[in-house]
Amino acid sequence: MWDLIVFPAVLVVELVIFRSWCFKVCPVSAMLSLLSSRKRIVRPRVGEDACLRTQGVDCRVCVDICPEKVDPHSLDIPECTQCGACVDACPMRAILLVPSAKR
């Protein structure tokens, strides 16, 4: 009887609060990650001259607001879903979604 109560409760807490399922286990996320790393049309670009992080300020607003916890400063970001949350949240407007160059 307890299994019918505890298991769904743990599943709901995992999916709604912790969301580690989406990052580590979900097969859909894994497939999207593989596909997006091969075909990157639009990706976030950081204007280094305007970014607070390059000026020595520990600003992580873009990473904290991202649902996938992607850092737009890294060169390879296959988990990016191009939602634009980092663009909207950047206090210096240093991030833009631009078409990537052909590889």
C-alpha atoms as a PDB file:
ATOM      1  CA  MET A   1       0.000   0.000   0.000  1.00  0.00           C
ATOM      2  CA  TRP A   2       2.797   2.428   0.870  1.00  0.00           C
ATOM      3  CA  ASP A   3       4.341   1.858  -2.554  1.00  0.00           C
ATOM      4  CA  LEU A   4       1.271   3.349  -4.193  1.00  0.00           C
ATOM      5  CA  ILE A   5       1.720   6.546  -2.183  1.00  0.00           C
ATOM      6  CA  VAL A   6       5.490   6.908  -1.827  1.00  0.00           C
ATOM      7  CA  PHE A   7       6.580   6.123  -5.400  1.00  0.00           C
ATOM      8  CA  PRO A   8       4.303   8.686  -7.107  1.00  0.00           C
ATOM      9  CA  ALA A   9       5.233  11.278  -4.468  1.00  0.00           C
ATOM     10  CA  VAL A  10       8.958  10.730  -5.049  1.00  0.00           C
ATOM     11  CA  LEU A  11       8.415  10.871  -8.803  1.00  0.00           C
ATOM     12  CA  VAL A  12       6.532  14.174  -8.565  1.00  0.00           C
ATOM     13  CA  VAL A  13       9.168  15.707  -6.293  1.00  0.00           C
ATOM     14  CA  GLU A  14      11.928  14.557  -8.650  1.00  0.00           C
ATOM     15  CA  LEU A  15      10.257  15.917 -11.786  1.00  0.00           C
ATOM     16  CA  VAL A  16       8.926  19.175 -10.358  1.00  0.00           C
ATOM     17  CA  ILE A  17      11.464  20.261  -7.753  1.00  0.00           C
ATOM     18  CA  PHE A  18      14.835  18.646  -8.448  1.00  0.00           C
ATOM     19  CA  ARG A  19      14.593  18.108 -12.232  1.00  0.00           C
ATOM     20  CA  SER A  20      17.708  15.947 -12.276  1.00  0.00           C
ATOM     21  CA  TRP A  21      15.714  13.432 -14.326  1.00  0.00           C
ATOM     22  CA  CYS A  22      15.740  15.872 -17.241  1.00  0.00           C
ATOM     23  CA  PHE A  23      19.487  16.430 -17.045  1.00  0.00           C
ATOM     24  CA  LYS A  24      20.744  12.916 -16.376  1.00  0.00           C
ATOM     25  CA  VAL A  25      18.292  10.194 -17.344  1.00  0.00           C
ATOM     26  CA  CYS A  26      15.634  11.369 -19.812  1.00  0.00           C
ATOM     27  CA  PRO A  27      16.112   9.697 -23.223  1.00  0.00           C
ATOM     28  CA  VAL A  28      14.426  12.567 -25.057  1.00  0.00           C
ATOM     29  CA  SER A  29      16.901  15.030 -23.574  1.00  0.00           C
ATOM     30  CA  ALA A  30      19.803  12.790 -24.568  1.00  0.00           C
ATOM     31  CA  MET A  31      18.563  12.549 -28.161  1.00  0.00           C
ATOM     32  CA  LEU A  32      18.009  16.310 -28.412  1.00  0.00           C
ATOM     33  CA  SER A  33      21.469  16.906 -27.021  1.00  0.00           C
ATOM     34  CA  LEU A  34      23.035  14.659 -29.650  1.00  0.00           C
ATOM     35  CA  LEU A  35      21.091  16.244 -32.482  1.00  0.00           C
ATOM     36  CA  SER A  36      21.649  19.822 -31.384  1.00  0.00           C
ATOM     37  CA  SER A  37      25.401  19.351 -31.058  1.00  0.00           C
ATOM     38  CA  ARG A  38      25.577  18.359 -34.718  1.00  0.00           C
ATOM     39  CA  LYS A  39      23.278  21.011 -36.152  1.00  0.00           C
ATOM     40  CA  ARG A  40      23.592  24.316 -34.338  1.00  0.00           C
ATOM     41  CA  ILE A  41      21.690  27.015 -36.244  1.00  0.00           C
ATOM     42  CA  VAL A  42      21.263  29.634 -33.537  1.00  0.00           C
ATOM     43  CA  ARG A  43      23.283  29.878 -30.348  1.00  0.00           C
ATOM     44  CA  PRO A  44      23.789  32.467 -27.637  1.00  0.00           C
ATOM     45  CA  ARG A  45      26.826  34.699 -28.111  1.00  0.00           C
ATOM     46  CA  VAL A  46      28.273  36.805 -25.323  1.00  0.00           C
ATOM     47  CA  GLY A  47      29.579  40.276 -26.060  1.00  0.00           C
ATOM     48  CA  GLU A  48      32.774  40.107 -24.025  1.00  0.00           C
ATOM     49  CA  ASP A  49      33.145  43.899 -23.872  1.00  0.00           C
ATOM     50  CA  ALA A  50      29.723  44.348 -22.221  1.00  0.00           C
ATOM     51  CA  CYS A  51      29.661  41.254 -19.986  1.00  0.00           C
ATOM     52  CA  LEU A  52      30.132  41.789 -16.265  1.00  0.00           C
ATOM     53  CA  ARG A  53      31.975  38.496 -15.883  1.00  0.00           C
ATOM     54  CA  THR A  54      34.845  39.697 -18.087  1.00  0.00           C
ATOM     55  CA  GLN A  55      35.058  42.826 -15.935  1.00  0.00           C
ATOM     56  CA  GLY A  56      35.705  40.759 -12.803  1.00  0.00           C
ATOM     57  CA  VAL A  57      32.149  40.704 -11.402  1.00  0.00           C
ATOM     58  CA  ASP A  58      30.853  37.284 -10.361  1.00  0.00           C
ATOM     59  CA  CYS A  59      27.633  37.549 -12.400  1.00  0.00           C
ATOM     60  CA  ARG A  60      25.880  34.239 -13.088  1.00  0.00           C
ATOM     61  CA  VAL A  61      22.379  35.514 -13.886  1.00  0.00           C
ATOM     62  CA  CYS A  62      22.377  33.860 -17.317  1.00  0.00           C
ATOM     63  CA  VAL A  63      23.277  30.437 -15.895  1.00  0.00           C
ATOM     64  CA  ASP A  64      20.859  30.695 -12.970  1.00  0.00           C
ATOM     65  CA  ILE A  65      17.871  31.664 -15.155  1.00  0.00           C
ATOM     66  CA  CYS A  66      18.525  29.004 -17.821  1.00  0.00           C
ATOM     67  CA  PRO A  67      16.195  26.003 -17.482  1.00  0.00           C
ATOM     68  CA  GLU A  68      19.019  23.745 -18.730  1.00  0.00           C
ATOM     69  CA  LYS A  69      21.705  25.467 -16.596  1.00  0.00           C
ATOM     70  CA  VAL A  70      23.785  26.179 -19.699  1.00  0.00           C
ATOM     71  CA  ASP A  71      26.635  28.672 -19.475  1.00  0.00           C
ATOM     72  CA  PRO A  72      26.625  30.786 -22.665  1.00  0.00           C
ATOM     73  CA  HIS A  73      30.301  31.571 -22.081  1.00  0.00           C
ATOM     74  CA  SER A  74      31.332  27.999 -22.901  1.00  0.00           C
ATOM     75  CA  LEU A  75      32.238  27.162 -26.476  1.00  0.00           C
ATOM     76  CA  ASP A  76      30.273  23.926 -26.790  1.00  0.00           C
ATOM     77  CA  ILE A  77      26.713  24.068 -25.448  1.00  0.00           C
ATOM     78  CA  PRO A  78      24.701  21.165 -26.898  1.00  0.00           C
ATOM     79  CA  GLU A  79      21.987  21.360 -24.221  1.00  0.00           C
ATOM     80  CA  CYS A  80      20.865  24.859 -25.265  1.00  0.00           C
ATOM     81  CA  THR A  81      17.227  24.896 -26.365  1.00  0.00           C
ATOM     82  CA  GLN A  82      17.466  28.500 -27.597  1.00  0.00           C
ATOM     83  CA  CYS A  83      14.675  29.654 -25.272  1.00  0.00           C
ATOM     84  CA  GLY A  84      16.196  33.128 -24.905  1.00  0.00           C
ATOM     85  CA  ALA A  85      15.897  33.272 -21.126  1.00  0.00           C
ATOM     86  CA  CYS A  86      19.585  34.219 -20.807  1.00  0.00           C
ATOM     87  CA  VAL A  87      19.129  37.032 -23.327  1.00  0.00           C
ATOM     88  CA  ASP A  88      16.201  38.505 -21.408  1.00  0.00           C
ATOM     89  CA  ALA A  89      17.840  38.108 -17.976  1.00  0.00           C
ATOM     90  CA  CYS A  90      21.267  39.591 -18.730  1.00  0.00           C
ATOM     91  CA  PRO A  91      21.517  42.913 -16.858  1.00  0.00           C
ATOM     92  CA  MET A  92      24.017  44.311 -19.380  1.00  0.00           C
ATOM     93  CA  ARG A  93      22.259  42.952 -22.500  1.00  0.00           C
ATOM     94  CA  ALA A  94      25.530  41.268 -23.437  1.00  0.00           C
ATOM     95  CA  ILE A  95      23.960  38.040 -24.774  1.00  0.00           C
ATOM     96  CA  LEU A  96      22.401  37.701 -28.211  1.00  0.00           C
ATOM     97  CA  LEU A  97      20.970  34.731 -30.093  1.00  0.00           C
ATOM     98  CA  VAL A  98      22.764  34.801 -33.431  1.00  0.00           C
ATOM     99  CA  PRO A  99      23.144  32.363 -36.307  1.00  0.00           C
ATOM    100  CA  SER A 100      26.290  30.324 -35.933  1.00  0.00           C
ATOM    101  CA  ALA A 101      28.989  30.205 -38.576  1.00  0.00           C
ATOM    102  CA  LYS A 102      29.165  27.158 -40.848  1.00  0.00           C
ATOM    103  CA  ARG A 103      31.588  24.515 -39.616  1.00  0.00           C
END
